[in-house]
Every structure is written in C-alpha cells, then in structure tokens.
Protein backbone atom coordinates (compact mmCIF):
# COMPACT_ATOMS: atom_id res chain seq x y z
CA UNK A 1 -80.29 -23.53 -7.82
CA UNK A 2 -82.60 -25.69 -5.90
CA UNK A 3 -81.32 -27.85 -2.94
CA UNK A 4 -84.11 -30.34 -3.19
CA UNK A 5 -81.86 -32.68 -5.36
CA UNK A 6 -79.41 -32.90 -2.42
CA UNK A 7 -82.10 -34.44 -0.05
CA UNK A 8 -81.83 -38.14 0.72
CA UNK A 9 -85.12 -39.08 -0.93
CA UNK A 10 -84.08 -37.13 -4.18
CA UNK A 11 -80.90 -39.23 -4.04
CA UNK A 12 -82.69 -42.58 -3.67
CA UNK A 13 -81.06 -42.85 -0.20
CA UNK A 14 -82.97 -44.43 2.79
CA UNK A 15 -80.31 -43.11 5.39
CA UNK A 16 -80.01 -39.70 6.85
CA UNK A 17 -76.38 -39.06 6.03
CA UNK A 18 -77.18 -36.85 2.99
CA UNK A 19 -79.55 -34.75 5.04
CA UNK A 20 -76.98 -34.34 7.87
CA UNK A 21 -74.27 -33.30 5.33
CA UNK A 22 -76.67 -30.92 3.67
CA UNK A 23 -77.40 -29.32 7.22
CA UNK A 24 -73.78 -28.95 7.88
CA UNK A 25 -73.12 -27.24 4.47
CA UNK A 26 -76.00 -24.88 4.88
CA UNK A 27 -74.95 -24.02 8.42
CA UNK A 28 -71.31 -23.43 7.51
CA UNK A 29 -72.35 -21.08 4.76
CA UNK A 30 -75.14 -19.33 6.68
CA UNK A 31 -77.33 -20.12 3.64
CA UNK A 32 -80.52 -18.38 4.45
CA UNK A 33 -81.81 -18.92 0.92
CA UNK A 34 -81.51 -22.57 1.33
CA UNK A 35 -83.32 -22.48 4.74
CA UNK A 36 -86.17 -20.59 3.14
CA UNK A 37 -86.49 -23.22 0.45
CA UNK A 38 -86.47 -25.97 3.06
CA UNK A 39 -89.23 -24.15 4.99
CA UNK A 40 -91.37 -23.63 1.89
CA UNK A 41 -91.14 -27.30 1.05
CA UNK A 42 -92.48 -28.39 4.42
CA UNK A 43 -95.78 -28.36 2.43
CA UNK A 44 -94.34 -30.29 -0.54
CA UNK A 45 -96.76 -32.85 -2.13
CA UNK A 46 -94.13 -35.54 -1.41
CA UNK A 47 -94.10 -36.65 2.18
CA UNK A 48 -90.46 -37.87 1.65
CA UNK A 49 -89.49 -34.39 0.73
CA UNK A 50 -91.41 -32.89 3.61
CA UNK A 51 -89.71 -35.33 6.07
CA UNK A 52 -86.28 -34.70 4.58
CA UNK A 53 -86.73 -30.85 4.88
CA UNK A 54 -87.92 -30.92 8.57
CA UNK A 55 -84.87 -33.33 9.30
CA UNK A 56 -82.34 -30.87 7.68
CA UNK A 57 -83.88 -27.91 9.42
CA UNK A 58 -83.80 -29.37 12.93
CA UNK A 59 -80.17 -30.47 12.22
CA UNK A 60 -79.45 -26.86 11.26
CA UNK A 61 -81.15 -25.77 14.52
CA UNK A 62 -78.92 -28.09 16.66
CA UNK A 63 -75.89 -26.47 15.05
CA UNK A 64 -76.90 -22.76 14.76
CA UNK A 65 -80.39 -22.22 16.16
CA UNK A 66 -80.51 -18.46 15.17
CA UNK A 67 -80.60 -19.56 11.51
CA UNK A 68 -83.96 -21.16 11.76
CA UNK A 69 -85.56 -19.07 14.67
CA UNK A 70 -87.29 -16.79 12.25
CA UNK A 71 -89.44 -19.66 11.08
CA UNK A 72 -90.90 -20.52 14.54
CA UNK A 73 -94.55 -20.05 13.35
CA UNK A 74 -93.96 -22.51 10.38
CA UNK A 75 -92.85 -25.21 12.84
CA UNK A 76 -95.91 -24.57 14.92
CA UNK A 77 -98.12 -25.01 11.71
CA UNK A 78 -96.44 -28.36 11.17
CA UNK A 79 -97.07 -29.34 14.77
CA UNK A 80 -100.72 -28.88 14.20
CA UNK A 81 -100.72 -31.23 11.18
CA UNK A 82 -101.44 -34.99 11.17
CA UNK A 83 -98.13 -36.38 9.94
CA UNK A 84 -96.54 -37.79 13.16
CA UNK A 85 -92.96 -37.75 11.77
CA UNK A 86 -93.35 -34.08 10.87
CA UNK A 87 -94.90 -33.30 14.26
CA UNK A 88 -91.92 -34.59 16.26
CA UNK A 89 -89.54 -33.06 13.73
CA UNK A 90 -91.28 -29.79 14.27
CA UNK A 91 -91.10 -30.19 18.13
CA UNK A 92 -87.33 -30.91 17.73
CA UNK A 93 -86.77 -27.67 15.77
CA UNK A 94 -88.95 -25.69 18.29
CA UNK A 95 -86.82 -27.01 21.06
CA UNK A 96 -83.56 -25.99 19.38
CA UNK A 97 -84.82 -22.34 19.12
CA UNK A 98 -86.59 -21.98 22.60
CA UNK A 99 -83.82 -19.73 24.09
CA UNK A 100 -83.57 -17.69 20.73
CA UNK A 101 -87.19 -16.52 21.07
CA UNK A 102 -88.50 -17.65 24.48
CA UNK A 103 -91.44 -15.13 24.51
CA UNK A 104 -93.04 -16.67 21.33
CA UNK A 105 -92.30 -20.23 22.57
CA UNK A 106 -93.84 -19.39 25.96
CA UNK A 107 -96.94 -17.80 24.21
CA UNK A 108 -97.30 -21.06 22.20
CA UNK A 109 -97.18 -23.42 25.14
CA UNK A 110 -100.80 -24.60 24.68
CA UNK A 111 -99.72 -25.79 21.15
CA UNK A 112 -96.65 -27.46 22.54
CA UNK A 113 -98.54 -29.31 25.22
CA UNK A 114 -101.23 -30.28 22.74
CA UNK A 115 -98.46 -31.61 20.57
CA UNK A 116 -96.88 -33.53 23.50
CA UNK A 117 -100.29 -35.09 24.35
CA UNK A 118 -101.16 -36.17 20.85
CA UNK A 119 -97.92 -36.94 19.45
CA UNK A 120 -95.24 -39.64 20.04
CA UNK A 121 -92.81 -40.21 22.82
CA UNK A 122 -90.27 -38.25 20.94
CA UNK A 123 -92.71 -35.30 20.77
CA UNK A 124 -93.18 -35.44 24.61
CA UNK A 125 -89.49 -35.69 25.13
CA UNK A 126 -88.74 -32.55 23.26
CA UNK A 127 -91.73 -30.71 24.95
CA UNK A 128 -89.97 -31.59 28.27
CA UNK A 129 -86.83 -30.26 27.02
CA UNK A 130 -88.63 -26.84 25.87
CA UNK A 131 -90.14 -26.64 29.28
CA UNK A 132 -86.93 -27.33 31.08
CA UNK A 133 -85.27 -24.42 29.01
CA UNK A 134 -88.17 -22.05 29.80
CA UNK A 135 -87.82 -22.94 33.56
CA UNK A 136 -84.24 -21.44 33.36
CA UNK A 137 -85.73 -18.06 32.61
CA UNK A 138 -87.18 -16.28 35.62
CA UNK A 139 -90.13 -14.69 33.83
CA UNK A 140 -91.38 -18.08 32.39
CA UNK A 141 -90.22 -20.43 35.26
CA UNK A 142 -93.45 -20.76 37.31
CA UNK A 143 -95.74 -21.51 34.41
CA UNK A 144 -93.27 -23.78 32.71
CA UNK A 145 -92.53 -25.77 35.88
CA UNK A 146 -96.26 -26.49 36.43
CA UNK A 147 -96.60 -27.87 33.07
CA UNK A 148 -93.30 -29.89 33.43
CA UNK A 149 -94.43 -31.33 36.73
CA UNK A 150 -97.81 -32.29 35.23
CA UNK A 151 -95.95 -34.17 32.42
CA UNK A 152 -93.72 -36.09 35.05
CA UNK A 153 -96.83 -36.81 37.07
CA UNK A 154 -98.76 -38.41 34.05
CA UNK A 155 -96.17 -39.81 31.67
CA UNK A 156 -95.45 -43.31 31.04
CA UNK A 157 -93.16 -44.79 33.80
CA UNK A 158 -90.52 -45.62 31.14
CA UNK A 159 -89.94 -41.86 30.67
CA UNK A 160 -89.91 -40.58 34.44
CA UNK A 161 -86.21 -41.33 35.18
CA UNK A 162 -84.94 -39.35 32.18
CA UNK A 163 -87.35 -36.40 32.81
CA UNK A 164 -86.36 -36.43 36.49
CA UNK A 165 -82.59 -36.31 35.67
CA UNK A 166 -82.96 -33.72 32.98
CA UNK A 167 -85.05 -31.43 35.16
CA UNK A 168 -82.35 -31.37 38.02
CA UNK A 169 -80.55 -28.26 36.94
CA UNK A 170 -83.87 -26.17 37.18
CA UNK A 171 -84.98 -27.46 40.51
CA UNK A 172 -84.69 -24.91 43.24
CA UNK A 173 -85.93 -23.96 46.75
CA UNK A 174 -89.10 -22.76 45.34
CA UNK A 175 -90.16 -25.96 43.38
CA UNK A 176 -88.07 -28.70 45.16
CA UNK A 177 -90.83 -29.83 47.59
CA UNK A 178 -93.50 -30.30 44.81
CA UNK A 179 -91.02 -32.05 42.52
CA UNK A 180 -89.98 -34.48 45.30
CA UNK A 181 -93.55 -35.14 46.08
CA UNK A 182 -94.24 -35.91 42.42
CA UNK A 183 -91.37 -38.24 42.00
CA UNK A 184 -92.16 -39.98 45.24
CA UNK A 185 -95.68 -40.47 44.12
CA UNK A 186 -94.48 -42.18 40.85
CA UNK A 187 -92.12 -44.53 42.57
CA UNK A 188 -94.72 -47.37 43.13
CA UNK A 189 -95.77 -47.14 39.33
CA UNK A 190 -92.21 -47.93 38.27
CA UNK A 191 -91.87 -51.80 38.05
CA UNK A 192 -88.39 -51.91 36.53
CA UNK A 193 -85.80 -51.91 39.35
CA UNK A 194 -83.18 -49.97 37.48
CA UNK A 195 -85.55 -47.24 36.53
CA UNK A 196 -86.90 -46.81 40.06
CA UNK A 197 -83.45 -46.59 41.44
CA UNK A 198 -82.58 -43.66 38.95
CA UNK A 199 -85.68 -41.76 40.30
CA UNK A 200 -84.74 -42.64 43.86
CA UNK A 201 -81.22 -41.18 43.19
CA UNK A 202 -82.71 -37.85 41.87
CA UNK A 203 -84.98 -37.65 45.00
CA UNK A 204 -81.84 -38.18 47.25
CA UNK A 205 -79.89 -35.52 45.48
CA UNK A 206 -82.69 -33.06 45.97
CA UNK A 207 -83.03 -33.84 49.68
CA UNK A 208 -79.42 -32.96 50.24
C-alpha cells in the first residue's frame, strides 16, 4: 500500500505535522519499503509531493540516519536541481548521513560547495554542518577545514557567529591560528554589536 496518501499535501494540510508523524512511524518500523517509495517520488510530477517526500526523508535521517544512507546519490541528484526547497532539503538529508558514509560525502564535496554557493542560507548552514562533521575525522580534516574556513571568511556577517560557535569542537592546535585570523578579519564587517561579541567570545576561548 502506497504511503503517498499519508503526506501532508495529499491530506490537504499546509502544516508539517503529518510528515513528521509519518517519518516517526517509518523510523519506528524500519520501513525500508516506504523509504524507497519516498526516494522514488522525489521526481514526482507534483512539487508538493516532492517537497513532502524530502521532508519525510530528512526527518527520518535525523532520527535514524542509517535508514536513508543508501540513497546518498539520490540526494546529490536533487542537490543539482533547480527547486530551492528541494535543494536545501537534500542538503539537510546529506548532513544527517555524513558520518554514516563519510568517504562518499568527502568525495562529493565539490557538489556540496556548489550547493552552498548557489542555494539558500539554509543550504549553506547544512554545508557548514557537513564540513564540521568531516573535520572530526582525521583523514578528511585538513581539506574539510580549508573549505569551512573559506565559508566563514566569505559568508554574510549574519551567519559568522553561528558558524564560529559550531566549529569550536573541531578547532585544534593545527588549525587554531588560521581560524583566529579569519574570525578577527571578519570582526570589522559585523555591525551588530551582539553578533560581534559572540565572535569575540569564540576568539577569546580559542586564545586560552
């Protein structure tokens, strides 16, 4: 039996509650057949169905990433599309499975960076999260940090405090100097006092 009738748009709902409930049901049952159907319908002719499917999939990923990890290549295909909602949804799903299949995610960094550059703020936020996860793995840390540092250097000032704070756990003796220099270079760009203070606080922690 198809699960499409359980999607929010099929129920005539504009909220996400049905999609979240469906994700929980699928996760609780480890329903791989339902997941396959959701992935197949990422190309559905209805954009509402597409949007609902990606939403349910990344909600499943947040709960149990191993269930959607086999479909990484499908998420990358969506990332290369033109639908912005789908693109950041795919980036969210990719973020959730980064530690499940880090080799594939690392090899796909050019696509992730392209998605971050061309997509919305949400796409960039999840790209940063992906890079931070890869930075936690020794074999990918150097390249991932270089890309992360580049984003922090060039991203809108609004995002800098959050990126700086989120990166703290992966800053070490090897990359600390460069990261402090990057954050210090961004301070003058940040007009909002509260946001500048957040970055200054991160710099202070790193200098201890």
